[in-house]
ModelCIF file with pLDDT and N, C-alpha, C, O atoms, coordinates in Angstrom:
data_MODEL
#
_entry.id   MODEL 
#
_entity.id                         1 
_entity.type                       polymer 
_entity.pdbx_number_of_molecules   1 
#
_entity_poly.entity_id                      1 
_entity_poly.type                           'polypeptide(L)' 
_entity_poly.nstd_linkage                   no 
_entity_poly.nstd_monomer                   no 
_entity_poly.pdbx_seq_one_letter_code       ALDKTLRDLQLDYIDLYLIHWPVRMKKGSVGRKVENIVPSNIPNT 
_entity_poly.pdbx_seq_one_letter_code_can   ALDKTLRDLQLDYIDLYLIHWPVRMKKGSVGRKVENIVPSNIPNT 
_entity_poly.pdbx_strand_id                 A 
#
loop_
_entity_poly_seq.entity_id 
_entity_poly_seq.num 
_entity_poly_seq.mon_id 
_entity_poly_seq.hetero 
1 1  ALA n 
1 2  LEU n 
1 3  ASP n 
1 4  LYS n 
1 5  THR n 
1 6  LEU n 
1 7  ARG n 
1 8  ASP n 
1 9  LEU n 
1 10 GLN n 
1 11 LEU n 
1 12 ASP n 
1 13 TYR n 
1 14 ILE n 
1 15 ASP n 
1 16 LEU n 
1 17 TYR n 
1 18 LEU n 
1 19 ILE n 
1 20 HIS n 
1 21 TRP n 
1 22 PRO n 
1 23 VAL n 
1 24 ARG n 
1 25 MET n 
1 26 LYS n 
1 27 LYS n 
1 28 GLY n 
1 29 SER n 
1 30 VAL n 
1 31 GLY n 
1 32 ARG n 
1 33 LYS n 
1 34 VAL n 
1 35 GLU n 
1 36 ASN n 
1 37 ILE n 
1 38 VAL n 
1 39 PRO n 
1 40 SER n 
1 41 ASN n 
1 42 ILE n 
1 43 PRO n 
1 44 ASN n 
1 45 THR n 
#
_struct_asym.id          A 
_struct_asym.entity_id   1 
#
loop_
_ma_qa_metric.id 
_ma_qa_metric.mode 
_ma_qa_metric.name 
_ma_qa_metric.software_group_id 
_ma_qa_metric.type 
1 global pLDDT . pLDDT 
2 local  pLDDT . pLDDT 
#
_ma_qa_metric_global.metric_id      1 
_ma_qa_metric_global.metric_value   93.47 
_ma_qa_metric_global.model_id       1 
_ma_qa_metric_global.ordinal_id     1 
#
loop_
_ma_qa_metric_local.label_asym_id 
_ma_qa_metric_local.label_comp_id 
_ma_qa_metric_local.label_seq_id 
_ma_qa_metric_local.metric_id 
_ma_qa_metric_local.metric_value 
_ma_qa_metric_local.model_id 
_ma_qa_metric_local.ordinal_id 
A ALA 1  2 98.00 1 1  
A LEU 2  2 98.00 1 2  
A ASP 3  2 98.00 1 3  
A LYS 4  2 98.00 1 4  
A THR 5  2 98.00 1 5  
A LEU 6  2 98.00 1 6  
A ARG 7  2 98.00 1 7  
A ASP 8  2 98.00 1 8  
A LEU 9  2 98.00 1 9  
A GLN 10 2 98.00 1 10 
A LEU 11 2 98.00 1 11 
A ASP 12 2 98.00 1 12 
A TYR 13 2 98.00 1 13 
A ILE 14 2 98.00 1 14 
A ASP 15 2 98.00 1 15 
A LEU 16 2 98.00 1 16 
A TYR 17 2 98.00 1 17 
A LEU 18 2 98.00 1 18 
A ILE 19 2 98.00 1 19 
A HIS 20 2 96.00 1 20 
A TRP 21 2 94.00 1 21 
A PRO 22 2 95.00 1 22 
A VAL 23 2 93.00 1 23 
A ARG 24 2 94.00 1 24 
A MET 25 2 94.00 1 25 
A LYS 26 2 94.00 1 26 
A LYS 27 2 93.00 1 27 
A GLY 28 2 89.00 1 28 
A SER 29 2 89.00 1 29 
A VAL 30 2 85.00 1 30 
A GLY 31 2 76.00 1 31 
A ARG 32 2 72.00 1 32 
A LYS 33 2 78.00 1 33 
A VAL 34 2 80.00 1 34 
A GLU 35 2 84.00 1 35 
A ASN 36 2 89.00 1 36 
A ILE 37 2 90.00 1 37 
A VAL 38 2 91.00 1 38 
A PRO 39 2 90.00 1 39 
A SER 40 2 91.00 1 40 
A ASN 41 2 96.00 1 41 
A ILE 42 2 97.00 1 42 
A PRO 43 2 98.00 1 43 
A ASN 44 2 98.00 1 44 
A THR 45 2 98.00 1 45 
#
loop_
_atom_site.group_PDB 
_atom_site.id 
_atom_site.type_symbol 
_atom_site.label_atom_id 
_atom_site.label_alt_id 
_atom_site.label_comp_id 
_atom_site.label_asym_id 
_atom_site.label_entity_id 
_atom_site.label_seq_id 
_atom_site.pdbx_PDB_ins_code 
_atom_site.Cartn_x 
_atom_site.Cartn_y 
_atom_site.Cartn_z 
_atom_site.occupancy 
_atom_site.B_iso_or_equiv 
_atom_site.pdbx_formal_charge 
_atom_site.auth_seq_id 
_atom_site.auth_comp_id 
_atom_site.auth_asym_id 
_atom_site.auth_atom_id 
_atom_site.pdbx_PDB_model_num 
ATOM 1   N N  . ALA A 1 1  ? -71.748 -190.244 -126.860 1.00 98.00 ? 1  ALA A N  1 
ATOM 2   C CA . ALA A 1 1  ? -70.550 -190.066 -127.678 1.00 98.00 ? 1  ALA A CA 1 
ATOM 3   C C  . ALA A 1 1  ? -70.045 -188.633 -127.608 1.00 98.00 ? 1  ALA A C  1 
ATOM 4   O O  . ALA A 1 1  ? -68.841 -188.400 -127.504 1.00 98.00 ? 1  ALA A O  1 
ATOM 5   N N  . LEU A 1 2  ? -70.968 -187.668 -127.666 1.00 98.00 ? 2  LEU A N  1 
ATOM 6   C CA . LEU A 1 2  ? -70.531 -186.273 -127.574 1.00 98.00 ? 2  LEU A CA 1 
ATOM 7   C C  . LEU A 1 2  ? -69.967 -185.972 -126.195 1.00 98.00 ? 2  LEU A C  1 
ATOM 8   O O  . LEU A 1 2  ? -68.965 -185.266 -126.075 1.00 98.00 ? 2  LEU A O  1 
ATOM 9   N N  . ASP A 1 3  ? -70.597 -186.497 -125.159 1.00 98.00 ? 3  ASP A N  1 
ATOM 10  C CA . ASP A 1 3  ? -70.080 -186.258 -123.808 1.00 98.00 ? 3  ASP A CA 1 
ATOM 11  C C  . ASP A 1 3  ? -68.659 -186.790 -123.664 1.00 98.00 ? 3  ASP A C  1 
ATOM 12  O O  . ASP A 1 3  ? -67.821 -186.155 -123.024 1.00 98.00 ? 3  ASP A O  1 
ATOM 13  N N  . LYS A 1 4  ? -68.383 -187.952 -124.255 1.00 98.00 ? 4  LYS A N  1 
ATOM 14  C CA . LYS A 1 4  ? -67.019 -188.500 -124.210 1.00 98.00 ? 4  LYS A CA 1 
ATOM 15  C C  . LYS A 1 4  ? -66.052 -187.588 -124.966 1.00 98.00 ? 4  LYS A C  1 
ATOM 16  O O  . LYS A 1 4  ? -64.939 -187.335 -124.505 1.00 98.00 ? 4  LYS A O  1 
ATOM 17  N N  . THR A 1 5  ? -66.480 -187.103 -126.116 1.00 98.00 ? 5  THR A N  1 
ATOM 18  C CA . THR A 1 5  ? -65.642 -186.188 -126.889 1.00 98.00 ? 5  THR A CA 1 
ATOM 19  C C  . THR A 1 5  ? -65.354 -184.919 -126.101 1.00 98.00 ? 5  THR A C  1 
ATOM 20  O O  . THR A 1 5  ? -64.226 -184.428 -126.098 1.00 98.00 ? 5  THR A O  1 
ATOM 21  N N  . LEU A 1 6  ? -66.371 -184.389 -125.435 1.00 98.00 ? 6  LEU A N  1 
ATOM 22  C CA . LEU A 1 6  ? -66.176 -183.171 -124.640 1.00 98.00 ? 6  LEU A CA 1 
ATOM 23  C C  . LEU A 1 6  ? -65.230 -183.428 -123.469 1.00 98.00 ? 6  LEU A C  1 
ATOM 24  O O  . LEU A 1 6  ? -64.402 -182.579 -123.138 1.00 98.00 ? 6  LEU A O  1 
ATOM 25  N N  . ARG A 1 7  ? -65.353 -184.602 -122.841 1.00 98.00 ? 7  ARG A N  1 
ATOM 26  C CA . ARG A 1 7  ? -64.422 -184.939 -121.753 1.00 98.00 ? 7  ARG A CA 1 
ATOM 27  C C  . ARG A 1 7  ? -62.998 -185.056 -122.286 1.00 98.00 ? 7  ARG A C  1 
ATOM 28  O O  . ARG A 1 7  ? -62.057 -184.532 -121.689 1.00 98.00 ? 7  ARG A O  1 
ATOM 29  N N  . ASP A 1 8  ? -62.849 -185.748 -123.415 1.00 98.00 ? 8  ASP A N  1 
ATOM 30  C CA . ASP A 1 8  ? -61.512 -185.924 -123.983 1.00 98.00 ? 8  ASP A CA 1 
ATOM 31  C C  . ASP A 1 8  ? -60.886 -184.584 -124.374 1.00 98.00 ? 8  ASP A C  1 
ATOM 32  O O  . ASP A 1 8  ? -59.703 -184.344 -124.133 1.00 98.00 ? 8  ASP A O  1 
ATOM 33  N N  . LEU A 1 9  ? -61.694 -183.723 -124.977 1.00 98.00 ? 9  LEU A N  1 
ATOM 34  C CA . LEU A 1 9  ? -61.194 -182.424 -125.431 1.00 98.00 ? 9  LEU A CA 1 
ATOM 35  C C  . LEU A 1 9  ? -61.162 -181.379 -124.305 1.00 98.00 ? 9  LEU A C  1 
ATOM 36  O O  . LEU A 1 9  ? -60.638 -180.280 -124.485 1.00 98.00 ? 9  LEU A O  1 
ATOM 37  N N  . GLN A 1 10 ? -61.726 -181.732 -123.152 1.00 98.00 ? 10 GLN A N  1 
ATOM 38  C CA . GLN A 1 10 ? -61.791 -180.843 -121.984 1.00 98.00 ? 10 GLN A CA 1 
ATOM 39  C C  . GLN A 1 10 ? -62.498 -179.532 -122.330 1.00 98.00 ? 10 GLN A C  1 
ATOM 40  O O  . GLN A 1 10 ? -62.024 -178.440 -122.014 1.00 98.00 ? 10 GLN A O  1 
ATOM 41  N N  . LEU A 1 11 ? -63.651 -179.681 -122.992 1.00 98.00 ? 11 LEU A N  1 
ATOM 42  C CA . LEU A 1 11 ? -64.457 -178.543 -123.415 1.00 98.00 ? 11 LEU A CA 1 
ATOM 43  C C  . LEU A 1 11 ? -65.868 -178.655 -122.883 1.00 98.00 ? 11 LEU A C  1 
ATOM 44  O O  . LEU A 1 11 ? -66.340 -179.747 -122.567 1.00 98.00 ? 11 LEU A O  1 
ATOM 45  N N  . ASP A 1 12 ? -66.542 -177.512 -122.784 1.00 98.00 ? 12 ASP A N  1 
ATOM 46  C CA . ASP A 1 12 ? -67.945 -177.492 -122.376 1.00 98.00 ? 12 ASP A CA 1 
ATOM 47  C C  . ASP A 1 12 ? -68.886 -177.604 -123.566 1.00 98.00 ? 12 ASP A C  1 
ATOM 48  O O  . ASP A 1 12 ? -70.037 -178.016 -123.423 1.00 98.00 ? 12 ASP A O  1 
ATOM 49  N N  . TYR A 1 13 ? -68.390 -177.238 -124.730 1.00 98.00 ? 13 TYR A N  1 
ATOM 50  C CA . TYR A 1 13 ? -69.200 -177.313 -125.947 1.00 98.00 ? 13 TYR A CA 1 
ATOM 51  C C  . TYR A 1 13 ? -68.295 -177.525 -127.137 1.00 98.00 ? 13 TYR A C  1 
ATOM 52  O O  . TYR A 1 13 ? -67.091 -177.280 -127.073 1.00 98.00 ? 13 TYR A O  1 
ATOM 53  N N  . ILE A 1 14 ? -68.887 -177.982 -128.220 1.00 98.00 ? 14 ILE A N  1 
ATOM 54  C CA . ILE A 1 14 ? -68.182 -178.159 -129.488 1.00 98.00 ? 14 ILE A CA 1 
ATOM 55  C C  . ILE A 1 14 ? -68.787 -177.167 -130.474 1.00 98.00 ? 14 ILE A C  1 
ATOM 56  O O  . ILE A 1 14 ? -69.997 -176.942 -130.458 1.00 98.00 ? 14 ILE A O  1 
ATOM 57  N N  . ASP A 1 15 ? -67.973 -176.581 -131.321 1.00 98.00 ? 15 ASP A N  1 
ATOM 58  C CA . ASP A 1 15 ? -68.505 -175.603 -132.275 1.00 98.00 ? 15 ASP A CA 1 
ATOM 59  C C  . ASP A 1 15 ? -69.276 -176.271 -133.404 1.00 98.00 ? 15 ASP A C  1 
ATOM 60  O O  . ASP A 1 15 ? -70.239 -175.708 -133.925 1.00 98.00 ? 15 ASP A O  1 
ATOM 61  N N  . LEU A 1 16 ? -68.846 -177.482 -133.782 1.00 98.00 ? 16 LEU A N  1 
ATOM 62  C CA . LEU A 1 16 ? -69.501 -178.198 -134.878 1.00 98.00 ? 16 LEU A CA 1 
ATOM 63  C C  . LEU A 1 16 ? -69.353 -179.691 -134.634 1.00 98.00 ? 16 LEU A C  1 
ATOM 64  O O  . LEU A 1 16 ? -68.249 -180.185 -134.405 1.00 98.00 ? 16 LEU A O  1 
ATOM 65  N N  . TYR A 1 17 ? -70.486 -180.415 -134.684 1.00 98.00 ? 17 TYR A N  1 
ATOM 66  C CA . TYR A 1 17 ? -70.487 -181.862 -134.493 1.00 98.00 ? 17 TYR A CA 1 
ATOM 67  C C  . TYR A 1 17 ? -71.107 -182.497 -135.723 1.00 98.00 ? 17 TYR A C  1 
ATOM 68  O O  . TYR A 1 17 ? -72.229 -182.169 -136.108 1.00 98.00 ? 17 TYR A O  1 
ATOM 69  N N  . LEU A 1 18 ? -70.360 -183.416 -136.340 1.00 98.00 ? 18 LEU A N  1 
ATOM 70  C CA . LEU A 1 18 ? -70.767 -184.003 -137.607 1.00 98.00 ? 18 LEU A CA 1 
ATOM 71  C C  . LEU A 1 18 ? -71.033 -185.496 -137.480 1.00 98.00 ? 18 LEU A C  1 
ATOM 72  O O  . LEU A 1 18 ? -70.368 -186.186 -136.708 1.00 98.00 ? 18 LEU A O  1 
ATOM 73  N N  . ILE A 1 19 ? -72.011 -185.997 -138.240 1.00 98.00 ? 19 ILE A N  1 
ATOM 74  C CA . ILE A 1 19 ? -72.120 -187.436 -138.456 1.00 98.00 ? 19 ILE A CA 1 
ATOM 75  C C  . ILE A 1 19 ? -71.005 -187.796 -139.429 1.00 98.00 ? 19 ILE A C  1 
ATOM 76  O O  . ILE A 1 19 ? -70.996 -187.322 -140.565 1.00 98.00 ? 19 ILE A O  1 
ATOM 77  N N  . HIS A 1 20 ? -70.065 -188.630 -138.991 1.00 96.00 ? 20 HIS A N  1 
ATOM 78  C CA . HIS A 1 20 ? -68.838 -188.853 -139.753 1.00 96.00 ? 20 HIS A CA 1 
ATOM 79  C C  . HIS A 1 20 ? -69.093 -189.521 -141.101 1.00 96.00 ? 20 HIS A C  1 
ATOM 80  O O  . HIS A 1 20 ? -68.516 -189.120 -142.111 1.00 96.00 ? 20 HIS A O  1 
ATOM 81  N N  . TRP A 1 21 ? -69.947 -190.528 -141.121 1.00 94.00 ? 21 TRP A N  1 
ATOM 82  C CA . TRP A 1 21 ? -70.318 -191.239 -142.354 1.00 94.00 ? 21 TRP A CA 1 
ATOM 83  C C  . TRP A 1 21 ? -71.791 -191.637 -142.281 1.00 94.00 ? 21 TRP A C  1 
ATOM 84  O O  . TRP A 1 21 ? -72.306 -191.876 -141.189 1.00 94.00 ? 21 TRP A O  1 
ATOM 85  N N  . PRO A 1 22 ? -72.473 -191.712 -143.417 1.00 95.00 ? 22 PRO A N  1 
ATOM 86  C CA . PRO A 1 22 ? -73.878 -192.158 -143.408 1.00 95.00 ? 22 PRO A CA 1 
ATOM 87  C C  . PRO A 1 22 ? -73.982 -193.680 -143.383 1.00 95.00 ? 22 PRO A C  1 
ATOM 88  O O  . PRO A 1 22 ? -74.812 -194.266 -144.076 1.00 95.00 ? 22 PRO A O  1 
ATOM 89  N N  . VAL A 1 23 ? -73.139 -194.305 -142.585 1.00 93.00 ? 23 VAL A N  1 
ATOM 90  C CA . VAL A 1 23 ? -73.104 -195.761 -142.440 1.00 93.00 ? 23 VAL A CA 1 
ATOM 91  C C  . VAL A 1 23 ? -73.149 -196.084 -140.955 1.00 93.00 ? 23 VAL A C  1 
ATOM 92  O O  . VAL A 1 23 ? -72.466 -195.446 -140.154 1.00 93.00 ? 23 VAL A O  1 
ATOM 93  N N  . ARG A 1 24 ? -73.960 -197.082 -140.587 1.00 94.00 ? 24 ARG A N  1 
ATOM 94  C CA . ARG A 1 24 ? -74.023 -197.500 -139.189 1.00 94.00 ? 24 ARG A CA 1 
ATOM 95  C C  . ARG A 1 24 ? -73.309 -198.832 -139.022 1.00 94.00 ? 24 ARG A C  1 
ATOM 96  O O  . ARG A 1 24 ? -73.431 -199.723 -139.862 1.00 94.00 ? 24 ARG A O  1 
ATOM 97  N N  . MET A 1 25 ? -72.561 -198.959 -137.931 1.00 94.00 ? 25 MET A N  1 
ATOM 98  C CA . MET A 1 25 ? -71.865 -200.195 -137.604 1.00 94.00 ? 25 MET A CA 1 
ATOM 99  C C  . MET A 1 25 ? -72.282 -200.674 -136.229 1.00 94.00 ? 25 MET A C  1 
ATOM 100 O O  . MET A 1 25 ? -72.750 -199.895 -135.398 1.00 94.00 ? 25 MET A O  1 
ATOM 101 N N  . LYS A 1 26 ? -72.107 -201.963 -136.000 1.00 94.00 ? 26 LYS A N  1 
ATOM 102 C CA . LYS A 1 26 ? -72.501 -202.561 -134.730 1.00 94.00 ? 26 LYS A CA 1 
ATOM 103 C C  . LYS A 1 26 ? -71.805 -201.875 -133.568 1.00 94.00 ? 26 LYS A C  1 
ATOM 104 O O  . LYS A 1 26 ? -70.619 -201.553 -133.641 1.00 94.00 ? 26 LYS A O  1 
ATOM 105 N N  . LYS A 1 27 ? -72.546 -201.656 -132.507 1.00 93.00 ? 27 LYS A N  1 
ATOM 106 C CA . LYS A 1 27 ? -71.994 -201.036 -131.311 1.00 93.00 ? 27 LYS A CA 1 
ATOM 107 C C  . LYS A 1 27 ? -70.816 -201.851 -130.801 1.00 93.00 ? 27 LYS A C  1 
ATOM 108 O O  . LYS A 1 27 ? -70.905 -203.069 -130.643 1.00 93.00 ? 27 LYS A O  1 
ATOM 109 N N  . GLY A 1 28 ? -69.715 -201.160 -130.547 1.00 89.00 ? 28 GLY A N  1 
ATOM 110 C CA . GLY A 1 28 ? -68.541 -201.830 -130.015 1.00 89.00 ? 28 GLY A CA 1 
ATOM 111 C C  . GLY A 1 28 ? -67.663 -202.505 -131.039 1.00 89.00 ? 28 GLY A C  1 
ATOM 112 O O  . GLY A 1 28 ? -66.606 -203.027 -130.686 1.00 89.00 ? 28 GLY A O  1 
ATOM 113 N N  . SER A 1 29 ? -68.070 -202.513 -132.311 1.00 89.00 ? 29 SER A N  1 
ATOM 114 C CA . SER A 1 29 ? -67.266 -203.164 -133.345 1.00 89.00 ? 29 SER A CA 1 
ATOM 115 C C  . SER A 1 29 ? -66.046 -202.314 -133.679 1.00 89.00 ? 29 SER A C  1 
ATOM 116 O O  . SER A 1 29 ? -66.037 -201.098 -133.488 1.00 89.00 ? 29 SER A O  1 
ATOM 117 N N  . VAL A 1 30 ? -65.034 -202.979 -134.176 1.00 85.00 ? 30 VAL A N  1 
ATOM 118 C CA . VAL A 1 30 ? -63.790 -202.304 -134.537 1.00 85.00 ? 30 VAL A CA 1 
ATOM 119 C C  . VAL A 1 30 ? -63.478 -202.613 -136.000 1.00 85.00 ? 30 VAL A C  1 
ATOM 120 O O  . VAL A 1 30 ? -63.623 -203.754 -136.438 1.00 85.00 ? 30 VAL A O  1 
ATOM 121 N N  . GLY A 1 31 ? -63.059 -201.619 -136.740 1.00 76.00 ? 31 GLY A N  1 
ATOM 122 C CA . GLY A 1 31 ? -62.735 -201.824 -138.140 1.00 76.00 ? 31 GLY A CA 1 
ATOM 123 C C  . GLY A 1 31 ? -63.944 -201.617 -139.032 1.00 76.00 ? 31 GLY A C  1 
ATOM 124 O O  . GLY A 1 31 ? -65.033 -201.277 -138.570 1.00 76.00 ? 31 GLY A O  1 
ATOM 125 N N  . ARG A 1 32 ? -63.725 -201.834 -140.338 1.00 72.00 ? 32 ARG A N  1 
ATOM 126 C CA . ARG A 1 32 ? -64.758 -201.550 -141.320 1.00 72.00 ? 32 ARG A CA 1 
ATOM 127 C C  . ARG A 1 32 ? -65.164 -202.808 -142.086 1.00 72.00 ? 32 ARG A C  1 
ATOM 128 O O  . ARG A 1 32 ? -65.467 -202.753 -143.278 1.00 72.00 ? 32 ARG A O  1 
ATOM 129 N N  . LYS A 1 33 ? -65.165 -203.940 -141.384 1.00 78.00 ? 33 LYS A N  1 
ATOM 130 C CA . LYS A 1 33 ? -65.533 -205.197 -142.010 1.00 78.00 ? 33 LYS A CA 1 
ATOM 131 C C  . LYS A 1 33 ? -67.021 -205.214 -142.329 1.00 78.00 ? 33 LYS A C  1 
ATOM 132 O O  . LYS A 1 33 ? -67.824 -204.614 -141.614 1.00 78.00 ? 33 LYS A O  1 
ATOM 133 N N  . VAL A 1 34 ? -67.382 -205.906 -143.407 1.00 80.00 ? 34 VAL A N  1 
ATOM 134 C CA . VAL A 1 34 ? -68.760 -205.911 -143.853 1.00 80.00 ? 34 VAL A CA 1 
ATOM 135 C C  . VAL A 1 34 ? -69.700 -206.475 -142.799 1.00 80.00 ? 34 VAL A C  1 
ATOM 136 O O  . VAL A 1 34 ? -70.853 -206.054 -142.706 1.00 80.00 ? 34 VAL A O  1 
ATOM 137 N N  . GLU A 1 35 ? -69.219 -207.421 -142.006 1.00 84.00 ? 35 GLU A N  1 
ATOM 138 C CA . GLU A 1 35 ? -70.105 -208.016 -140.994 1.00 84.00 ? 35 GLU A CA 1 
ATOM 139 C C  . GLU A 1 35 ? -70.459 -207.037 -139.878 1.00 84.00 ? 35 GLU A C  1 
ATOM 140 O O  . GLU A 1 35 ? -71.383 -207.280 -139.102 1.00 84.00 ? 35 GLU A O  1 
ATOM 141 N N  . ASN A 1 36 ? -69.721 -205.928 -139.801 1.00 89.00 ? 36 ASN A N  1 
ATOM 142 C CA . ASN A 1 36 ? -70.026 -204.909 -138.786 1.00 89.00 ? 36 ASN A CA 1 
ATOM 143 C C  . ASN A 1 36 ? -71.046 -203.883 -139.271 1.00 89.00 ? 36 ASN A C  1 
ATOM 144 O O  . ASN A 1 36 ? -71.594 -203.129 -138.467 1.00 89.00 ? 36 ASN A O  1 
ATOM 145 N N  . ILE A 1 37 ? -71.305 -203.847 -140.574 1.00 90.00 ? 37 ILE A N  1 
ATOM 146 C CA . ILE A 1 37 ? -72.216 -202.848 -141.130 1.00 90.00 ? 37 ILE A CA 1 
ATOM 147 C C  . ILE A 1 37 ? -73.654 -203.306 -140.972 1.00 90.00 ? 37 ILE A C  1 
ATOM 148 O O  . ILE A 1 37 ? -73.998 -204.432 -141.330 1.00 90.00 ? 37 ILE A O  1 
ATOM 149 N N  . VAL A 1 38 ? -74.496 -202.428 -140.435 1.00 91.00 ? 38 VAL A N  1 
ATOM 150 C CA . VAL A 1 38 ? -75.919 -202.722 -140.252 1.00 91.00 ? 38 VAL A CA 1 
ATOM 151 C C  . VAL A 1 38 ? -76.732 -201.592 -140.888 1.00 91.00 ? 38 VAL A C  1 
ATOM 152 O O  . VAL A 1 38 ? -76.202 -200.502 -141.107 1.00 91.00 ? 38 VAL A O  1 
ATOM 153 N N  . PRO A 1 39 ? -78.013 -201.838 -141.188 1.00 90.00 ? 39 PRO A N  1 
ATOM 154 C CA . PRO A 1 39 ? -78.841 -200.782 -141.785 1.00 90.00 ? 39 PRO A CA 1 
ATOM 155 C C  . PRO A 1 39 ? -78.876 -199.529 -140.910 1.00 90.00 ? 39 PRO A C  1 
ATOM 156 O O  . PRO A 1 39 ? -78.964 -199.607 -139.685 1.00 90.00 ? 39 PRO A O  1 
ATOM 157 N N  . SER A 1 40 ? -78.806 -198.394 -141.558 1.00 91.00 ? 40 SER A N  1 
ATOM 158 C CA . SER A 1 40 ? -78.811 -197.126 -140.823 1.00 91.00 ? 40 SER A CA 1 
ATOM 159 C C  . SER A 1 40 ? -80.196 -196.512 -140.786 1.00 91.00 ? 40 SER A C  1 
ATOM 160 O O  . SER A 1 40 ? -81.070 -196.852 -141.584 1.00 91.00 ? 40 SER A O  1 
ATOM 161 N N  . ASN A 1 41 ? -80.375 -195.604 -139.845 1.00 96.00 ? 41 ASN A N  1 
ATOM 162 C CA . ASN A 1 41 ? -81.601 -194.807 -139.761 1.00 96.00 ? 41 ASN A CA 1 
ATOM 163 C C  . ASN A 1 41 ? -81.166 -193.374 -139.475 1.00 96.00 ? 41 ASN A C  1 
ATOM 164 O O  . ASN A 1 41 ? -81.237 -192.897 -138.343 1.00 96.00 ? 41 ASN A O  1 
ATOM 165 N N  . ILE A 1 42 ? -80.717 -192.707 -140.522 1.00 97.00 ? 42 ILE A N  1 
ATOM 166 C CA . ILE A 1 42 ? -80.171 -191.361 -140.367 1.00 97.00 ? 42 ILE A CA 1 
ATOM 167 C C  . ILE A 1 42 ? -81.183 -190.385 -139.745 1.00 97.00 ? 42 ILE A C  1 
ATOM 168 O O  . ILE A 1 42 ? -80.785 -189.570 -138.912 1.00 97.00 ? 42 ILE A O  1 
ATOM 169 N N  . PRO A 1 43 ? -82.480 -190.431 -140.115 1.00 98.00 ? 43 PRO A N  1 
ATOM 170 C CA . PRO A 1 43 ? -83.416 -189.509 -139.479 1.00 98.00 ? 43 PRO A CA 1 
ATOM 171 C C  . PRO A 1 43 ? -83.447 -189.639 -137.952 1.00 98.00 ? 43 PRO A C  1 
ATOM 172 O O  . PRO A 1 43 ? -83.516 -188.629 -137.251 1.00 98.00 ? 43 PRO A O  1 
ATOM 173 N N  . ASN A 1 44 ? -83.397 -190.862 -137.433 1.00 98.00 ? 44 ASN A N  1 
ATOM 174 C CA . ASN A 1 44 ? -83.396 -191.035 -135.979 1.00 98.00 ? 44 ASN A CA 1 
ATOM 175 C C  . ASN A 1 44 ? -82.096 -190.539 -135.358 1.00 98.00 ? 44 ASN A C  1 
ATOM 176 O O  . ASN A 1 44 ? -82.108 -189.915 -134.297 1.00 98.00 ? 44 ASN A O  1 
ATOM 177 N N  . THR A 1 45 ? -80.989 -190.815 -136.012 1.00 98.00 ? 45 THR A N  1 
ATOM 178 C CA . THR A 1 45 ? -79.706 -190.307 -135.528 1.00 98.00 ? 45 THR A CA 1 
ATOM 179 C C  . THR A 1 45 ? -79.707 -188.782 -135.537 1.00 98.00 ? 45 THR A C  1 
ATOM 180 O O  . THR A 1 45 ? -78.711 -188.162 -135.163 1.00 98.00 ? 45 THR A O  1 
#
């Protein structure tokens, strides 16, 4: 995900990278529907 962001922004590094929300959603899902929300593991992330 960071590599894609760096490609999009055409940068070699980012000054600050944040976990946007403490919620995990299914890979490839779109939107914020409840069926897309799965248990998170913030320590591993």
